[in-house]
Amino acid sequence: MLTSATRTYAQQQELYAQGRTKPGKVVTNAPAGYSNHNFGIAGDFTLFNGREPIWESRHYRKTLAPIGKALGLTWGGDWASINDEPHYEDKPAWARGMSEGAMLAELRR
């Protein structure tokens, strides 16, 4: 189920504070304005057991990731900096070939 797509800067900053200045596990390395969620080009697809979200499961890697990758999406489970298995994103066509930092700077402008 799609559980998080476009986020406001305030929502992203709340997530970024988690595990840093607020209790909980670090779930993002991106402060507000540096997340693809802020610009509507990222989404989290979360598995559930009834009403309980499952944040880590072999089903992300074995079932969901191949589908997302076949669609040309970048999967957060492939990242070295943080493992974000529910996360998928896609660069806009105009940003293909640009670094992530350059694309985000253009989006912030």
Protein backbone atom coordinates (compact mmCIF):
# COMPACT_ATOMS: atom_id res chain seq x y z
CA MET A 1 0.00 0.00 0.00
CA LEU A 2 1.27 3.49 -0.80
CA THR A 3 1.70 5.03 2.65
CA SER A 4 3.77 8.15 2.04
CA ALA A 5 4.25 10.12 -1.15
CA THR A 6 4.52 13.91 -1.29
CA ARG A 7 5.52 15.41 2.06
CA THR A 8 5.59 19.00 3.20
CA TYR A 9 8.89 20.43 4.42
CA ALA A 10 7.47 20.31 7.98
CA GLN A 11 6.58 16.62 7.65
CA GLN A 12 10.03 15.80 6.27
CA GLN A 13 11.74 17.75 9.06
CA GLU A 14 9.73 15.80 11.67
CA LEU A 15 10.95 12.52 10.15
CA TYR A 16 14.53 13.83 9.97
CA ALA A 17 14.43 14.76 13.68
CA GLN A 18 13.49 11.19 14.59
CA GLY A 19 16.51 9.46 16.11
CA ARG A 20 18.37 12.75 16.27
CA THR A 21 16.56 15.32 18.41
CA LYS A 22 13.41 13.22 18.92
CA PRO A 23 13.00 9.64 20.13
CA GLY A 24 12.99 6.74 17.70
CA LYS A 25 15.10 5.12 15.03
CA VAL A 26 16.68 7.22 12.26
CA VAL A 27 14.49 6.64 9.21
CA THR A 28 15.84 9.24 6.77
CA ASN A 29 19.09 11.00 5.98
CA ALA A 30 17.27 13.78 4.13
CA PRO A 31 16.28 16.99 5.91
CA ALA A 32 13.47 19.15 4.53
CA GLY A 33 14.17 20.28 0.97
CA TYR A 34 16.59 17.40 0.34
CA SER A 35 14.07 14.58 0.00
CA ASN A 36 12.45 13.54 -3.25
CA HIS A 37 9.25 13.18 -1.19
CA ASN A 38 9.17 17.00 -0.94
CA PHE A 39 8.83 17.24 -4.70
CA GLY A 40 6.37 14.42 -5.41
CA ILE A 41 8.84 12.07 -7.08
CA ALA A 42 9.13 9.48 -4.29
CA GLY A 43 6.74 7.15 -2.53
CA ASP A 44 6.83 4.50 0.18
CA PHE A 45 4.98 1.25 -0.44
CA THR A 46 4.52 -0.45 2.91
CA LEU A 47 3.58 -4.05 3.62
CA PHE A 48 1.07 -4.74 6.40
CA ASN A 49 0.17 -7.61 8.68
CA GLY A 50 -3.44 -6.72 9.30
CA ARG A 51 -3.24 -3.10 10.46
CA GLU A 52 0.39 -3.29 11.59
CA PRO A 53 3.01 -1.95 9.18
CA ILE A 54 5.93 -4.24 8.43
CA TRP A 55 9.06 -2.15 7.94
CA GLU A 56 11.46 -5.01 7.29
CA SER A 57 10.61 -8.17 5.39
CA ARG A 58 12.17 -10.42 2.77
CA HIS A 59 9.06 -9.70 0.68
CA TYR A 60 10.29 -6.18 -0.08
CA ARG A 61 13.43 -7.57 -1.73
CA LYS A 62 11.92 -10.70 -3.27
CA THR A 63 8.54 -9.41 -4.43
CA LEU A 64 8.19 -5.63 -4.52
CA ALA A 65 11.70 -4.50 -5.52
CA PRO A 66 11.74 -6.46 -8.80
CA ILE A 67 8.44 -4.84 -9.81
CA GLY A 68 9.62 -1.31 -8.99
CA LYS A 69 12.95 -1.83 -10.73
CA ALA A 70 11.23 -3.26 -13.82
CA LEU A 71 9.29 0.01 -13.96
CA GLY A 72 12.59 1.91 -13.91
CA LEU A 73 12.29 3.18 -10.34
CA THR A 74 15.17 3.58 -7.92
CA TRP A 75 14.69 1.38 -4.85
CA GLY A 76 15.76 2.53 -1.38
CA GLY A 77 16.79 -1.02 -0.45
CA ASP A 78 19.79 -0.68 -2.78
CA TRP A 79 21.23 2.34 -0.98
CA ALA A 80 24.45 2.03 1.01
CA SER A 81 23.74 5.05 3.24
CA ILE A 82 20.41 3.86 4.67
CA ASN A 83 18.24 0.81 4.01
CA ASP A 84 14.80 2.10 3.07
CA GLU A 85 13.07 -0.92 1.55
CA PRO A 86 9.57 0.63 1.24
CA HIS A 87 11.00 3.61 -0.75
CA TYR A 88 10.85 4.09 -4.53
CA GLU A 89 11.61 7.19 -6.57
CA ASP A 90 11.94 8.38 -10.14
CA LYS A 91 13.89 11.33 -11.51
CA PRO A 92 12.01 13.58 -13.90
CA ALA A 93 13.12 13.23 -17.52
CA TRP A 94 14.80 16.65 -17.44
CA ALA A 95 16.98 15.54 -14.50
CA ARG A 96 18.25 12.24 -15.93
CA GLY A 97 22.01 12.41 -16.02
CA MET A 98 22.13 15.06 -13.27
CA SER A 99 23.53 14.33 -9.85
CA GLU A 100 21.00 14.01 -7.03
CA GLY A 101 22.35 17.21 -5.45
CA ALA A 102 22.04 19.22 -8.67
CA MET A 103 18.52 17.97 -9.28
CA LEU A 104 17.42 18.80 -5.73
CA ALA A 105 18.95 22.27 -5.97
CA GLU A 106 16.96 22.89 -9.15
CA LEU A 107 13.77 21.59 -7.52
CA ARG A 108 14.28 23.84 -4.48
CA ARG A 109 14.69 26.86 -6.79
